[in-house]
Amino acid sequence: MFRLLSKESNIFSAPVYIGVLLLIVIGFNFLDFNRLGILSAAITFAGVALGYFCFNAIALNYQTHLPLFLYTAFIFALYPGNLDIGIAVSLFTNAIILLLLTNPDMSVRKNSYVLVGVLLALNFIFLPTTWPMSLFVIFHIIGTSDRVGLHFFRLCYGILVIALSYFSIAYFLDMNAWDDAYFPFGKFRPSKNLQDLFWLIPTAVMLIHAVWDHFRNYNRKSPASKFKYTFLLVFSVAQLITIVLYMGNSYEYLLLLAFPCAIILSRMLKFLPKSWLQETALWLLILSLVGFKLANF
């Protein structure tokens, strides 16, 4: 199976996987038709579908089927059906931000920070616990921009536009109460009853091995590969902060890591020294995800 998934993908691959994604979303929602559920499912589908195009934008997986397959497997295992609208919007905005920040056209990247600020503000309004994503963008500006002050101003301007619009609408609708959810920096409590995550231990171990192996062979990698992998790791850390601090028993938060995990694990599988290790690790990963899905079904 690994050899089959290692074949180069083509222009028809992404639409096929998006079709499978559509069947997954419909399959988990066909018994629960309500307006909010349909809206959440539509935004989730759009966000996850955009993720397929992010693989080509980051270009770390040699245009193979393996990352696309793993990404689909993660979505199948982690998508609960009745996904919270906040997480759905976060998946959508994260995908657009990644596409903007990885655009090969430098002028597009430099001029996109106002839109990135708008997306970050919308993301915060729908799900305040995703504030670490702002730290990811700030670190990206500091690490890649030749005019840090200008791009940081553009980012803040985009955030300010949405903030003023939001408070203006709230004022005219006479919404004067303050929701404590918009200040998610208070009491952090350890999550309890996380025994279902036991099924994901093999996946977590492989992720740790993949990151360790990357830094072990860091000097052998090209500058472009180092930059893109670091970009992906910083993005993953931002999502991991949200998950550790706020997930609790809401396992759908793990969807925020589906895209970077698919890339990291597919690279690990590709560089394993033996073919039988590649096949065994792939099936162990699949069984881990299927076991987690059955435990939460």
C-alpha atoms as a PDB file:
ATOM      1  CA  MET A   1       0.000   0.000   0.000  1.00  0.00           C
ATOM      2  CA  PHE A   2       2.845   2.393   0.790  1.00  0.00           C
ATOM      3  CA  ARG A   3       4.312   1.836  -2.679  1.00  0.00           C
ATOM      4  CA  LEU A   4       0.930   2.621  -4.236  1.00  0.00           C
ATOM      5  CA  LEU A   5       0.567   5.844  -2.232  1.00  0.00           C
ATOM      6  CA  SER A   6       4.130   6.859  -3.081  1.00  0.00           C
ATOM      7  CA  LYS A   7       3.208   7.346  -6.738  1.00  0.00           C
ATOM      8  CA  GLU A   8       3.140  10.898  -8.021  1.00  0.00           C
ATOM      9  CA  SER A   9      -0.234  12.601  -7.887  1.00  0.00           C
ATOM     10  CA  ASN A  10      -1.713  14.496 -10.832  1.00  0.00           C
ATOM     11  CA  ILE A  11      -4.167  17.327 -11.429  1.00  0.00           C
ATOM     12  CA  PHE A  12      -7.101  14.957 -10.929  1.00  0.00           C
ATOM     13  CA  SER A  13      -5.947  13.731  -7.521  1.00  0.00           C
ATOM     14  CA  ALA A  14      -7.117  16.678  -5.399  1.00  0.00           C
ATOM     15  CA  PRO A  15     -10.668  16.663  -6.852  1.00  0.00           C
ATOM     16  CA  VAL A  16     -10.936  12.926  -6.131  1.00  0.00           C
ATOM     17  CA  TYR A  17      -9.878  13.385  -2.509  1.00  0.00           C
ATOM     18  CA  ILE A  18     -12.225  16.373  -2.180  1.00  0.00           C
ATOM     19  CA  GLY A  19     -15.029  14.125  -3.452  1.00  0.00           C
ATOM     20  CA  VAL A  20     -14.181  11.580  -0.753  1.00  0.00           C
ATOM     21  CA  LEU A  21     -14.142  14.425   1.783  1.00  0.00           C
ATOM     22  CA  LEU A  22     -17.621  15.502   0.642  1.00  0.00           C
ATOM     23  CA  LEU A  23     -18.910  11.966   1.187  1.00  0.00           C
ATOM     24  CA  ILE A  24     -17.371  11.945   4.689  1.00  0.00           C
ATOM     25  CA  VAL A  25     -18.992  15.265   5.625  1.00  0.00           C
ATOM     26  CA  ILE A  26     -22.373  14.251   4.207  1.00  0.00           C
ATOM     27  CA  GLY A  27     -22.162  10.805   5.793  1.00  0.00           C
ATOM     28  CA  PHE A  28     -21.609  12.193   9.283  1.00  0.00           C
ATOM     29  CA  ASN A  29     -24.314  14.857   8.929  1.00  0.00           C
ATOM     30  CA  PHE A  30     -27.181  13.144   7.103  1.00  0.00           C
ATOM     31  CA  LEU A  31     -29.044  12.342  10.351  1.00  0.00           C
ATOM     32  CA  ASP A  32     -28.785  15.880  11.743  1.00  0.00           C
ATOM     33  CA  PHE A  33     -30.231  18.473   9.384  1.00  0.00           C
ATOM     34  CA  ASN A  34     -30.394  21.859  11.071  1.00  0.00           C
ATOM     35  CA  ARG A  35     -29.353  25.251   9.829  1.00  0.00           C
ATOM     36  CA  LEU A  36     -26.361  25.689  12.114  1.00  0.00           C
ATOM     37  CA  GLY A  37     -25.200  22.122  11.464  1.00  0.00           C
ATOM     38  CA  ILE A  38     -25.395  22.571   7.694  1.00  0.00           C
ATOM     39  CA  LEU A  39     -23.546  25.893   7.892  1.00  0.00           C
ATOM     40  CA  SER A  40     -20.819  24.366  10.081  1.00  0.00           C
ATOM     41  CA  ALA A  41     -20.499  21.364   7.744  1.00  0.00           C
ATOM     42  CA  ALA A  42     -20.225  23.633   4.686  1.00  0.00           C
ATOM     43  CA  ILE A  43     -17.504  25.790   6.272  1.00  0.00           C
ATOM     44  CA  THR A  44     -15.664  22.669   7.463  1.00  0.00           C
ATOM     45  CA  PHE A  45     -15.779  21.183   3.976  1.00  0.00           C
ATOM     46  CA  ALA A  46     -14.485  24.412   2.426  1.00  0.00           C
ATOM     47  CA  GLY A  47     -11.655  24.717   4.956  1.00  0.00           C
ATOM     48  CA  VAL A  48     -10.525  21.109   4.710  1.00  0.00           C
ATOM     49  CA  ALA A  49     -10.822  21.149   0.905  1.00  0.00           C
ATOM     50  CA  LEU A  50      -8.541  24.198   0.757  1.00  0.00           C
ATOM     51  CA  GLY A  51      -6.054  22.179   2.807  1.00  0.00           C
ATOM     52  CA  TYR A  52      -5.500  19.857  -0.165  1.00  0.00           C
ATOM     53  CA  PHE A  53      -4.163  22.779  -2.171  1.00  0.00           C
ATOM     54  CA  CYS A  54      -1.838  23.799   0.675  1.00  0.00           C
ATOM     55  CA  PHE A  55       0.220  20.642   0.054  1.00  0.00           C
ATOM     56  CA  ASN A  56       1.292  21.920  -3.334  1.00  0.00           C
ATOM     57  CA  ALA A  57       1.909  25.399  -1.912  1.00  0.00           C
ATOM     58  CA  ILE A  58       4.292  24.127   0.781  1.00  0.00           C
ATOM     59  CA  ALA A  59       5.790  21.488  -1.571  1.00  0.00           C
ATOM     60  CA  LEU A  60       7.428  19.267   1.041  1.00  0.00           C
ATOM     61  CA  ASN A  61       6.086  15.901  -0.101  1.00  0.00           C
ATOM     62  CA  TYR A  62       7.252  15.475  -3.686  1.00  0.00           C
ATOM     63  CA  GLN A  63       3.722  15.591  -5.135  1.00  0.00           C
ATOM     64  CA  THR A  64       2.775  12.091  -3.954  1.00  0.00           C
ATOM     65  CA  HIS A  65      -0.548  10.625  -2.857  1.00  0.00           C
ATOM     66  CA  LEU A  66       0.657   9.761   0.634  1.00  0.00           C
ATOM     67  CA  PRO A  67       0.096  13.157   2.351  1.00  0.00           C
ATOM     68  CA  LEU A  68      -3.291  13.534   0.657  1.00  0.00           C
ATOM     69  CA  PHE A  69      -4.313  10.072   1.866  1.00  0.00           C
ATOM     70  CA  LEU A  70      -3.087  10.688   5.425  1.00  0.00           C
ATOM     71  CA  TYR A  71      -4.852  14.062   5.526  1.00  0.00           C
ATOM     72  CA  THR A  72      -8.115  12.394   4.477  1.00  0.00           C
ATOM     73  CA  ALA A  73      -7.587   9.660   7.086  1.00  0.00           C
ATOM     74  CA  PHE A  74      -7.067  12.253   9.820  1.00  0.00           C
ATOM     75  CA  ILE A  75     -10.241  14.090   8.812  1.00  0.00           C
ATOM     76  CA  PHE A  76     -12.223  10.831   8.819  1.00  0.00           C
ATOM     77  CA  ALA A  77     -10.911   9.856  12.263  1.00  0.00           C
ATOM     78  CA  LEU A  78     -11.227  13.267  13.941  1.00  0.00           C
ATOM     79  CA  TYR A  79     -14.341  14.761  12.338  1.00  0.00           C
ATOM     80  CA  PRO A  80     -17.298  14.187  14.705  1.00  0.00           C
ATOM     81  CA  GLY A  81     -20.077  15.327  12.377  1.00  0.00           C
ATOM     82  CA  ASN A  82     -21.570  18.034  14.583  1.00  0.00           C
ATOM     83  CA  LEU A  83     -18.461  20.207  14.478  1.00  0.00           C
ATOM     84  CA  ASP A  84     -18.494  23.443  16.468  1.00  0.00           C
ATOM     85  CA  ILE A  85     -18.894  26.487  14.218  1.00  0.00           C
ATOM     86  CA  GLY A  86     -15.809  28.087  15.803  1.00  0.00           C
ATOM     87  CA  ILE A  87     -13.517  25.201  14.876  1.00  0.00           C
ATOM     88  CA  ALA A  88     -15.051  25.066  11.400  1.00  0.00           C
ATOM     89  CA  VAL A  89     -14.260  28.767  10.850  1.00  0.00           C
ATOM     90  CA  SER A  90     -10.760  28.231  12.264  1.00  0.00           C
ATOM     91  CA  LEU A  91     -10.068  25.429   9.774  1.00  0.00           C
ATOM     92  CA  PHE A  92     -11.262  27.681   6.947  1.00  0.00           C
ATOM     93  CA  THR A  93      -9.279  30.765   7.968  1.00  0.00           C
ATOM     94  CA  ASN A  94      -6.138  28.733   8.741  1.00  0.00           C
ATOM     95  CA  ALA A  95      -6.196  27.239   5.241  1.00  0.00           C
ATOM     96  CA  ILE A  96      -6.487  30.664   3.595  1.00  0.00           C
ATOM     97  CA  ILE A  97      -3.707  32.087   5.795  1.00  0.00           C
ATOM     98  CA  LEU A  98      -1.414  29.197   4.854  1.00  0.00           C
ATOM     99  CA  LEU A  99      -2.152  29.687   1.160  1.00  0.00           C
ATOM    100  CA  LEU A 100      -1.382  33.404   1.444  1.00  0.00           C
ATOM    101  CA  LEU A 101       1.828  33.017   3.453  1.00  0.00           C
ATOM    102  CA  THR A 102       3.190  30.242   1.197  1.00  0.00           C
ATOM    103  CA  ASN A 103       2.352  31.937  -2.096  1.00  0.00           C
ATOM    104  CA  PRO A 104       5.418  31.763  -4.383  1.00  0.00           C
ATOM    105  CA  ASP A 105       4.800  35.353  -5.512  1.00  0.00           C
ATOM    106  CA  MET A 106       6.656  37.581  -3.032  1.00  0.00           C
ATOM    107  CA  SER A 107       4.481  40.614  -3.791  1.00  0.00           C
ATOM    108  CA  VAL A 108       1.334  38.649  -2.948  1.00  0.00           C
ATOM    109  CA  ARG A 109       2.800  37.604   0.407  1.00  0.00           C
ATOM    110  CA  LYS A 110       3.888  41.139   1.271  1.00  0.00           C
ATOM    111  CA  ASN A 111       0.528  42.655   0.374  1.00  0.00           C
ATOM    112  CA  SER A 112      -1.587  39.990   2.063  1.00  0.00           C
ATOM    113  CA  TYR A 113      -0.988  40.937   5.696  1.00  0.00           C
ATOM    114  CA  VAL A 114      -4.091  43.159   5.875  1.00  0.00           C
ATOM    115  CA  LEU A 115      -6.206  40.202   4.757  1.00  0.00           C
ATOM    116  CA  VAL A 116      -4.338  37.921   7.179  1.00  0.00           C
ATOM    117  CA  GLY A 117      -5.183  40.361   9.991  1.00  0.00           C
ATOM    118  CA  VAL A 118      -8.839  40.300   8.949  1.00  0.00           C
ATOM    119  CA  LEU A 119      -8.843  36.490   9.004  1.00  0.00           C
ATOM    120  CA  LEU A 120      -7.141  36.367  12.418  1.00  0.00           C
ATOM    121  CA  ALA A 121      -9.746  38.748  13.854  1.00  0.00           C
ATOM    122  CA  LEU A 122     -12.628  36.714  12.405  1.00  0.00           C
ATOM    123  CA  ASN A 123     -11.010  33.571  13.763  1.00  0.00           C
ATOM    124  CA  PHE A 124     -10.818  35.116  17.238  1.00  0.00           C
ATOM    125  CA  ILE A 125     -14.441  36.285  17.142  1.00  0.00           C
ATOM    126  CA  PHE A 126     -15.706  32.783  16.366  1.00  0.00           C
ATOM    127  CA  LEU A 127     -13.182  30.925  18.553  1.00  0.00           C
ATOM    128  CA  PRO A 128     -11.136  33.090  20.957  1.00  0.00           C
ATOM    129  CA  THR A 129      -9.057  30.089  22.042  1.00  0.00           C
ATOM    130  CA  THR A 130      -7.228  30.193  18.691  1.00  0.00           C
ATOM    131  CA  TRP A 131      -5.279  33.325  19.712  1.00  0.00           C
ATOM    132  CA  PRO A 132      -1.905  31.453  19.375  1.00  0.00           C
ATOM    133  CA  MET A 133      -2.394  31.648  15.606  1.00  0.00           C
ATOM    134  CA  SER A 134      -1.625  35.368  15.896  1.00  0.00           C
ATOM    135  CA  LEU A 135       1.728  34.513  17.485  1.00  0.00           C
ATOM    136  CA  PHE A 136       2.494  32.247  14.518  1.00  0.00           C
ATOM    137  CA  VAL A 137       1.874  35.084  12.051  1.00  0.00           C
ATOM    138  CA  ILE A 138       3.926  37.551  14.134  1.00  0.00           C
ATOM    139  CA  PHE A 139       6.885  35.139  14.271  1.00  0.00           C
ATOM    140  CA  HIS A 140       6.522  34.591  10.527  1.00  0.00           C
ATOM    141  CA  ILE A 141       6.702  38.348   9.903  1.00  0.00           C
ATOM    142  CA  ILE A 142       9.752  38.732  12.126  1.00  0.00           C
ATOM    143  CA  GLY A 143      11.519  35.778  10.510  1.00  0.00           C
ATOM    144  CA  THR A 144      10.771  36.483   6.841  1.00  0.00           C
ATOM    145  CA  SER A 145       9.961  40.152   6.257  1.00  0.00           C
ATOM    146  CA  ASP A 146      12.443  42.778   5.163  1.00  0.00           C
ATOM    147  CA  ARG A 147      10.136  45.539   6.501  1.00  0.00           C
ATOM    148  CA  VAL A 148       8.855  44.149   9.789  1.00  0.00           C
ATOM    149  CA  GLY A 149       7.307  47.409  11.017  1.00  0.00           C
ATOM    150  CA  LEU A 150       5.286  47.986   7.841  1.00  0.00           C
ATOM    151  CA  HIS A 151       3.957  44.432   7.660  1.00  0.00           C
ATOM    152  CA  PHE A 152       3.148  44.380  11.373  1.00  0.00           C
ATOM    153  CA  PHE A 153       1.212  47.657  10.889  1.00  0.00           C
ATOM    154  CA  ARG A 154      -0.727  46.102   7.998  1.00  0.00           C
ATOM    155  CA  LEU A 155      -1.542  43.082  10.159  1.00  0.00           C
ATOM    156  CA  CYS A 156      -2.792  45.290  13.003  1.00  0.00           C
ATOM    157  CA  TYR A 157      -4.779  47.404  10.542  1.00  0.00           C
ATOM    158  CA  GLY A 158      -6.643  44.346   9.282  1.00  0.00           C
ATOM    159  CA  ILE A 159      -7.404  43.280  12.854  1.00  0.00           C
ATOM    160  CA  LEU A 160      -8.555  46.800  13.742  1.00  0.00           C
ATOM    161  CA  VAL A 161     -10.952  46.961  10.771  1.00  0.00           C
ATOM    162  CA  ILE A 162     -12.772  43.821  11.915  1.00  0.00           C
ATOM    163  CA  ALA A 163     -12.685  44.864  15.588  1.00  0.00           C
ATOM    164  CA  LEU A 164     -14.280  48.256  14.853  1.00  0.00           C
ATOM    165  CA  SER A 165     -16.859  46.655  12.557  1.00  0.00           C
ATOM    166  CA  TYR A 166     -17.733  44.042  15.163  1.00  0.00           C
ATOM    167  CA  PHE A 167     -18.114  46.538  18.022  1.00  0.00           C
ATOM    168  CA  SER A 168     -20.117  48.908  15.814  1.00  0.00           C
ATOM    169  CA  ILE A 169     -22.583  46.169  14.888  1.00  0.00           C
ATOM    170  CA  ALA A 170     -22.785  45.083  18.541  1.00  0.00           C
ATOM    171  CA  TYR A 171     -23.459  48.693  19.592  1.00  0.00           C
ATOM    172  CA  PHE A 172     -26.285  49.176  17.103  1.00  0.00           C
ATOM    173  CA  LEU A 173     -27.811  45.845  18.128  1.00  0.00           C
ATOM    174  CA  ASP A 174     -27.656  46.966  21.764  1.00  0.00           C
ATOM    175  CA  MET A 175     -25.327  44.122  22.745  1.00  0.00           C
ATOM    176  CA  ASN A 176     -23.679  45.704  25.760  1.00  0.00           C
ATOM    177  CA  ALA A 177     -22.784  42.628  27.845  1.00  0.00           C
ATOM    178  CA  TRP A 178     -19.189  41.355  27.874  1.00  0.00           C
ATOM    179  CA  ASP A 179     -18.641  37.635  27.396  1.00  0.00           C
ATOM    180  CA  ASP A 180     -15.741  36.252  29.439  1.00  0.00           C
ATOM    181  CA  ALA A 181     -15.037  33.803  26.595  1.00  0.00           C
ATOM    182  CA  TYR A 182     -13.362  36.692  24.752  1.00  0.00           C
ATOM    183  CA  PHE A 183     -10.630  36.761  27.386  1.00  0.00           C
ATOM    184  CA  PRO A 184      -9.395  33.144  27.342  1.00  0.00           C
ATOM    185  CA  PHE A 185      -6.336  33.746  29.524  1.00  0.00           C
ATOM    186  CA  GLY A 186      -7.742  32.917  32.918  1.00  0.00           C
ATOM    187  CA  LYS A 187      -8.026  29.587  34.687  1.00  0.00           C
ATOM    188  CA  PHE A 188      -6.302  26.726  32.900  1.00  0.00           C
ATOM    189  CA  ARG A 189      -7.334  23.332  34.237  1.00  0.00           C
ATOM    190  CA  PRO A 190      -5.865  19.954  33.246  1.00  0.00           C
ATOM    191  CA  SER A 191      -8.183  17.842  31.120  1.00  0.00           C
ATOM    192  CA  LYS A 192      -9.658  14.683  32.615  1.00  0.00           C
ATOM    193  CA  ASN A 193     -10.988  11.398  31.200  1.00  0.00           C
ATOM    194  CA  LEU A 194      -8.763  11.417  28.120  1.00  0.00           C
ATOM    195  CA  GLN A 195      -8.493   7.635  27.884  1.00  0.00           C
ATOM    196  CA  ASP A 196      -9.753   7.644  24.280  1.00  0.00           C
ATOM    197  CA  LEU A 197      -6.523   9.395  23.274  1.00  0.00           C
ATOM    198  CA  PHE A 198      -4.748   6.118  24.082  1.00  0.00           C
ATOM    199  CA  TRP A 199      -5.493   5.038  20.510  1.00  0.00           C
ATOM    200  CA  LEU A 200      -3.464   7.961  19.173  1.00  0.00           C
ATOM    201  CA  ILE A 201      -0.285   7.058  21.073  1.00  0.00           C
ATOM    202  CA  PRO A 202       1.308   5.351  17.999  1.00  0.00           C
ATOM    203  CA  THR A 203       0.576   8.472  15.946  1.00  0.00           C
ATOM    204  CA  ALA A 204       2.076  10.720  18.628  1.00  0.00           C
ATOM    205  CA  VAL A 205       5.191   8.540  18.905  1.00  0.00           C
ATOM    206  CA  MET A 206       5.715   8.656  15.135  1.00  0.00           C
ATOM    207  CA  LEU A 207       5.299  12.445  15.150  1.00  0.00           C
ATOM    208  CA  ILE A 208       7.932  12.797  17.876  1.00  0.00           C
ATOM    209  CA  HIS A 209      10.271  10.502  15.936  1.00  0.00           C
ATOM    210  CA  ALA A 210       9.677  12.476  12.728  1.00  0.00           C
ATOM    211  CA  VAL A 211      10.563  15.817  14.361  1.00  0.00           C
ATOM    212  CA  TRP A 212      13.586  14.307  16.115  1.00  0.00           C
ATOM    213  CA  ASP A 213      14.809  12.770  12.845  1.00  0.00           C
ATOM    214  CA  HIS A 214      14.389  16.116  11.089  1.00  0.00           C
ATOM    215  CA  PHE A 215      16.695  17.886  13.534  1.00  0.00           C
ATOM    216  CA  ARG A 216      19.106  14.928  13.576  1.00  0.00           C
ATOM    217  CA  ASN A 217      19.575  15.339   9.810  1.00  0.00           C
ATOM    218  CA  TYR A 218      19.105  19.102   9.798  1.00  0.00           C
ATOM    219  CA  ASN A 219      22.455  19.940   8.188  1.00  0.00           C
ATOM    220  CA  ARG A 220      21.773  17.609   5.255  1.00  0.00           C
ATOM    221  CA  LYS A 221      18.626  19.436   4.204  1.00  0.00           C
ATOM    222  CA  SER A 222      18.417  22.247   1.662  1.00  0.00           C
ATOM    223  CA  PRO A 223      17.758  25.821   2.866  1.00  0.00           C
ATOM    224  CA  ALA A 224      14.303  25.769   1.263  1.00  0.00           C
ATOM    225  CA  SER A 225      13.397  22.531   3.030  1.00  0.00           C
ATOM    226  CA  LYS A 226      14.664  23.881   6.362  1.00  0.00           C
ATOM    227  CA  PHE A 227      12.602  27.053   6.011  1.00  0.00           C
ATOM    228  CA  LYS A 228       9.393  25.277   4.994  1.00  0.00           C
ATOM    229  CA  TYR A 229       9.691  22.639   7.710  1.00  0.00           C
ATOM    230  CA  THR A 230      10.354  25.312  10.346  1.00  0.00           C
ATOM    231  CA  PHE A 231       7.326  27.230   9.052  1.00  0.00           C
ATOM    232  CA  LEU A 232       5.247  24.067   9.447  1.00  0.00           C
ATOM    233  CA  LEU A 233       6.584  23.349  12.942  1.00  0.00           C
ATOM    234  CA  VAL A 234       5.832  26.872  14.193  1.00  0.00           C
ATOM    235  CA  PHE A 235       2.302  26.553  12.789  1.00  0.00           C
ATOM    236  CA  SER A 236       1.955  23.179  14.539  1.00  0.00           C
ATOM    237  CA  VAL A 237       3.145  24.614  17.871  1.00  0.00           C
ATOM    238  CA  ALA A 238       0.550  27.394  17.618  1.00  0.00           C
ATOM    239  CA  GLN A 239      -2.213  24.810  17.113  1.00  0.00           C
ATOM    240  CA  LEU A 240      -0.770  22.606  19.862  1.00  0.00           C
ATOM    241  CA  ILE A 241      -0.936  25.466  22.381  1.00  0.00           C
ATOM    242  CA  THR A 242      -4.652  25.841  21.665  1.00  0.00           C
ATOM    243  CA  ILE A 243      -5.203  22.087  21.983  1.00  0.00           C
ATOM    244  CA  VAL A 244      -3.276  21.680  25.238  1.00  0.00           C
ATOM    245  CA  LEU A 245      -4.865  24.697  26.930  1.00  0.00           C
ATOM    246  CA  TYR A 246      -8.458  24.462  25.735  1.00  0.00           C
ATOM    247  CA  MET A 247      -9.329  21.093  24.175  1.00  0.00           C
ATOM    248  CA  GLY A 248     -10.631  19.282  27.252  1.00  0.00           C
ATOM    249  CA  ASN A 249     -12.802  16.457  25.939  1.00  0.00           C
ATOM    250  CA  SER A 250     -13.594  18.274  22.687  1.00  0.00           C
ATOM    251  CA  TYR A 251     -11.466  16.028  20.493  1.00  0.00           C
ATOM    252  CA  GLU A 252     -12.482  17.904  17.352  1.00  0.00           C
ATOM    253  CA  TYR A 253      -9.787  20.438  18.307  1.00  0.00           C
ATOM    254  CA  LEU A 254      -7.324  17.857  17.003  1.00  0.00           C
ATOM    255  CA  LEU A 255      -8.517  18.682  13.485  1.00  0.00           C
ATOM    256  CA  LEU A 256      -6.365  21.813  13.723  1.00  0.00           C
ATOM    257  CA  LEU A 257      -3.305  19.540  13.538  1.00  0.00           C
ATOM    258  CA  ALA A 258      -4.523  17.332  10.680  1.00  0.00           C
ATOM    259  CA  PHE A 259      -2.712  19.247   7.923  1.00  0.00           C
ATOM    260  CA  PRO A 260       0.763  19.583   9.506  1.00  0.00           C
ATOM    261  CA  CYS A 261       0.614  16.015  10.868  1.00  0.00           C
ATOM    262  CA  ALA A 262      -0.121  14.660   7.378  1.00  0.00           C
ATOM    263  CA  ILE A 263       2.991  16.363   5.985  1.00  0.00           C
ATOM    264  CA  ILE A 264       5.285  15.478   8.891  1.00  0.00           C
ATOM    265  CA  LEU A 265       4.233  11.816   8.974  1.00  0.00           C
ATOM    266  CA  SER A 266       4.348  11.337   5.212  1.00  0.00           C
ATOM    267  CA  ARG A 267       7.921  12.674   5.163  1.00  0.00           C
ATOM    268  CA  MET A 268       8.855  10.349   8.020  1.00  0.00           C
ATOM    269  CA  LEU A 269       7.418   7.347   6.182  1.00  0.00           C
ATOM    270  CA  LYS A 270       9.222   8.279   2.977  1.00  0.00           C
ATOM    271  CA  PHE A 271      12.636   8.440   4.669  1.00  0.00           C
ATOM    272  CA  LEU A 272      12.363   5.222   6.679  1.00  0.00           C
ATOM    273  CA  PRO A 273      15.294   2.985   5.627  1.00  0.00           C
ATOM    274  CA  LYS A 274      13.393  -0.278   4.972  1.00  0.00           C
ATOM    275  CA  SER A 275      10.309  -0.922   2.842  1.00  0.00           C
ATOM    276  CA  TRP A 276       8.820  -3.244   5.463  1.00  0.00           C
ATOM    277  CA  LEU A 277       9.211  -0.466   8.058  1.00  0.00           C
ATOM    278  CA  GLN A 278       7.361   1.936   5.774  1.00  0.00           C
ATOM    279  CA  GLU A 279       4.498  -0.514   5.246  1.00  0.00           C
ATOM    280  CA  THR A 280       4.271  -1.456   8.932  1.00  0.00           C
ATOM    281  CA  ALA A 281       4.326   2.167  10.105  1.00  0.00           C
ATOM    282  CA  LEU A 282       1.639   3.121   7.580  1.00  0.00           C
ATOM    283  CA  TRP A 283      -0.709   0.342   8.694  1.00  0.00           C
ATOM    284  CA  LEU A 284      -0.016   1.084  12.359  1.00  0.00           C
ATOM    285  CA  LEU A 285      -0.960   4.701  11.701  1.00  0.00           C
ATOM    286  CA  ILE A 286      -4.164   3.681   9.910  1.00  0.00           C
ATOM    287  CA  LEU A 287      -5.160   1.254  12.676  1.00  0.00           C
ATOM    288  CA  SER A 288      -4.449   3.934  15.275  1.00  0.00           C
ATOM    289  CA  LEU A 289      -6.817   6.379  13.578  1.00  0.00           C
ATOM    290  CA  VAL A 290      -9.502   3.749  12.971  1.00  0.00           C
ATOM    291  CA  GLY A 291      -9.294   2.635  16.616  1.00  0.00           C
ATOM    292  CA  PHE A 292      -9.707   6.221  17.795  1.00  0.00           C
ATOM    293  CA  LYS A 293     -12.702   6.688  15.492  1.00  0.00           C
ATOM    294  CA  LEU A 294     -14.416   3.517  16.714  1.00  0.00           C
ATOM    295  CA  ALA A 295     -13.755   4.462  20.346  1.00  0.00           C
ATOM    296  CA  ASN A 296     -15.554   7.786  19.826  1.00  0.00           C
ATOM    297  CA  PHE A 297     -18.267   6.691  17.406  1.00  0.00           C
END
